[in-house]
Protein backbone atom coordinates (compact mmCIF):
# COMPACT_ATOMS: atom_id res chain seq x y z
CA MET A 1 174.66 97.55 92.65
CA ASN A 2 173.65 93.77 91.48
CA ALA A 3 170.49 91.88 91.54
CA ALA A 4 171.27 90.63 94.97
CA ALA A 5 171.61 94.17 96.78
CA PRO A 6 169.13 95.07 99.33
CA ALA A 7 166.99 97.77 99.77
CA PHE A 8 169.03 99.69 101.67
CA ALA A 9 172.46 98.77 99.60
CA HIS A 10 172.89 102.55 98.22
CA ARG A 11 172.74 103.75 102.00
CA ILE A 12 175.35 101.39 102.77
CA ALA A 13 177.77 102.79 99.10
CA VAL A 14 177.10 106.06 100.50
CA GLN A 15 178.90 104.97 103.82
CA LEU A 16 181.67 103.73 102.46
CA ASP A 17 182.37 106.89 100.20
CA ALA A 18 182.55 108.68 103.02
CA LEU A 19 184.28 106.24 105.28
CA CYS A 20 187.31 106.20 102.50
CA ALA A 21 187.11 110.08 102.24
CA GLU A 22 187.32 111.16 106.21
CA HIS A 23 190.31 108.26 106.21
CA GLY A 24 191.88 108.40 103.39
CA LEU A 25 191.48 105.13 101.97
CA ALA A 26 191.03 103.71 98.50
CA ARG A 27 187.89 103.08 97.71
CA PRO A 28 187.39 99.19 97.27
CA HIS A 29 184.19 97.59 94.95
CA LEU A 30 181.15 96.69 97.26
CA GLU A 31 179.47 93.64 96.16
CA TRP A 32 176.73 91.87 97.67
CA SER A 33 175.86 88.19 97.99
CA LYS A 34 173.01 85.69 98.22
CA ARG A 35 175.31 83.03 98.65
CA MET A 36 176.63 84.04 102.26
CA ARG A 37 174.34 82.69 103.90
CA ARG A 38 176.49 81.98 107.09
CA MET A 39 179.49 84.77 106.55
CA LEU A 40 178.61 89.00 106.79
CA GLY A 41 181.20 89.30 104.73
CA ARG A 42 184.59 89.66 103.00
CA THR A 43 187.65 91.36 102.15
CA ARG A 44 189.44 90.57 98.76
CA TYR A 45 192.86 92.24 97.95
CA GLU A 46 193.73 92.07 94.40
CA PRO A 47 191.41 93.97 92.91
CA THR A 48 190.45 95.88 96.64
CA SER A 49 186.57 94.15 96.57
CA ILE A 50 184.47 94.33 100.16
CA ARG A 51 181.51 91.40 99.33
CA LEU A 52 178.95 91.56 101.95
CA SER A 53 176.06 89.17 102.38
CA ALA A 54 172.50 90.14 101.18
CA TRP A 55 170.63 88.30 103.84
CA LEU A 56 172.32 91.46 106.25
CA ASP A 57 169.75 94.15 108.09
CA GLU A 58 171.24 97.67 107.70
CA THR A 59 172.52 97.23 111.17
CA GLN A 60 175.18 94.19 110.72
CA ALA A 61 175.66 95.73 107.15
CA GLU A 62 177.04 99.21 108.36
CA ALA A 63 178.99 96.94 111.45
CA THR A 64 180.04 94.30 108.67
CA LEU A 65 180.86 97.29 106.39
CA ARG A 66 183.56 98.98 108.97
CA HIS A 67 185.34 95.57 110.06
CA GLU A 68 185.98 94.16 106.32
CA LEU A 69 187.59 98.19 105.79
CA ALA A 70 189.93 97.59 108.60
CA HIS A 71 191.05 94.12 106.74
CA ILE A 72 191.53 96.79 103.68
CA ALA A 73 193.28 99.30 106.02
CA VAL A 74 195.79 97.50 107.39
CA GLY A 75 196.37 95.63 104.13
CA LEU A 76 199.04 93.07 103.32
CA GLY A 77 201.82 94.97 104.94
CA ARG A 78 204.13 93.22 107.18
CA ALA A 79 202.07 93.90 110.36
CA ALA A 80 198.85 91.97 108.62
CA ARG A 81 201.36 88.91 108.00
CA ARG A 82 203.03 89.10 111.90
CA GLU A 83 199.66 89.49 114.05
CA GLY A 84 197.48 87.62 111.51
CA PRO A 85 193.97 89.17 110.39
CA HIS A 86 193.01 90.25 113.59
CA GLY A 87 195.91 91.64 115.21
CA ALA A 88 196.23 94.74 116.74
CA ALA A 89 196.91 97.06 113.96
CA TRP A 90 193.10 95.41 112.71
CA ARG A 91 191.56 96.17 115.72
CA ALA A 92 193.00 99.73 116.23
CA TRP A 93 191.75 100.45 112.51
CA ALA A 94 188.14 98.91 113.98
CA ILE A 95 187.68 101.34 116.47
CA ARG A 96 189.05 103.90 114.09
CA LEU A 97 186.19 103.19 111.89
CA GLY A 98 184.33 102.72 114.41
CA THR A 99 183.27 99.14 115.16
CA GLU A 100 183.55 95.98 117.34
CA ALA A 101 186.85 94.91 117.49
CA LYS A 102 185.89 90.97 117.20
CA ALA A 103 186.98 88.59 115.07
CA GLN A 104 183.42 87.45 114.37
CA ALA A 105 179.63 88.25 114.77
CA PRO A 106 177.30 87.05 117.96
CA LEU A 107 174.91 86.23 115.03
CA PRO A 108 174.55 85.17 111.74
CA PRO A 109 172.91 87.43 108.87
CA ALA A 110 169.45 88.33 110.08
CA TYR A 111 167.86 87.51 106.74
CA ALA A 112 169.21 84.27 106.12
CA PRO A 113 166.80 81.25 104.72
CA ALA A 114 166.92 78.36 107.31
CA ARG A 115 169.58 75.91 106.16
CA GLN A 116 168.16 72.65 104.64
CA ASN A 117 169.93 69.86 106.48
CA SER A 118 170.07 67.27 103.95
CA SER A 119 172.69 65.94 104.28
CA ARG A 120 173.91 62.42 105.14
CA ALA A 121 175.53 60.53 107.87
CA TRP A 122 175.76 56.80 108.93
CA GLY A 123 175.37 55.61 111.73
CA LEU A 124 177.44 52.88 113.42
CA GLU A 125 177.05 50.28 116.45
CA CYS A 126 179.35 48.31 118.23
CA ALA A 127 178.90 44.56 118.02
CA SER A 128 179.46 44.27 121.94
CA CYS A 129 177.64 46.54 123.87
CA GLY A 130 175.36 48.24 121.20
CA ALA A 131 176.81 51.97 121.61
CA ARG A 132 175.67 54.26 118.24
CA PHE A 133 177.72 56.63 116.82
CA LEU A 134 176.98 59.08 114.33
CA ARG A 135 179.51 59.65 111.44
CA ARG A 136 179.80 61.29 107.70
CA ARG A 137 182.76 59.45 107.12
CA VAL A 138 183.52 55.63 108.03
CA LEU A 139 186.87 54.65 107.83
CA LYS A 140 188.18 50.90 107.39
CA GLY A 141 188.70 48.96 111.10
CA LEU A 142 186.71 51.69 113.38
CA TYR A 143 185.83 50.39 116.68
CA HIS A 144 184.58 51.97 119.91
CA ARG A 145 187.44 52.65 122.31
CA ASP A 146 185.99 51.67 124.97
CA CYS A 147 185.56 47.78 123.91
CA GLY A 148 188.74 47.75 122.12
CA PRO A 149 189.77 46.88 119.00
CA ARG A 150 188.27 42.76 119.23
CA HIS A 151 185.21 43.44 120.35
CA GLY A 152 184.26 46.30 119.56
CA LEU A 153 184.04 46.95 116.01
CA LEU A 154 181.55 49.37 115.12
CA GLY A 155 179.08 47.93 112.32
CA ARG A 156 177.14 50.74 109.15
CA VAL A 157 173.33 50.33 110.51
CA MET A 158 171.89 52.91 108.30
CA ARG A 159 172.37 56.26 106.50
CA ASP A 160 170.45 58.95 106.10
CA THR A 161 170.29 62.24 106.86
CA ILE A 162 172.20 63.95 109.84
CA ASP A 163 168.82 64.54 111.56
CA LEU A 164 167.37 61.23 111.63
CA VAL A 165 171.03 59.52 111.96
CA ARG A 166 171.20 61.54 114.97
CA ALA A 167 168.05 60.62 116.72
CA TRP A 168 168.55 57.22 115.81
CA ALA A 169 172.00 57.35 117.96
CA ASP A 170 170.21 58.90 120.94
CA GLU A 171 168.11 55.96 121.40
CA ARG A 172 169.04 53.77 124.09
CA PRO A 173 168.93 50.37 122.62
CA ALA A 174 167.43 48.10 125.25
CA ARG A 175 169.80 46.17 127.44
CA GLU A 176 169.23 41.91 127.64
CA GLY A 177 167.56 40.50 130.54
CA ALA A 178 167.16 44.65 131.88
């Protein structure tokens, strides 16, 4: 176990051993990662390993372990390549291993710290009608489709955090004569 492993990590490792023995699968290496704040788990094939988010609660960890083990059971064989990572062969293994046969979990890791939304964006404004837009990347020649390429060129008005630019863009500019 590594330093990022949660308190119940030993129980999850024991469960992995039991599942592998019961279904005749080679036991993969089990890792825990504090960097996985949005993903629950990940499977690697060379060498075979399962990485779980250290931010999971025990119920999520059990379900994710079974989900990832189903990927290892299907492997890189012909069925996996033909059907994709969550095809019929994977779904059959997921059910056999006792988990829901869904590609995505309904919730992110239970104990993941809140993301700090410090990424930046541009606030753009139409020269003709004053409509406001948020863009992370600004290309030359952007224009407001409703006003057209001649009159609706978008000018850069502000650059700040996404939250502040979104608040600015959602404000409705006052119309002249209104």
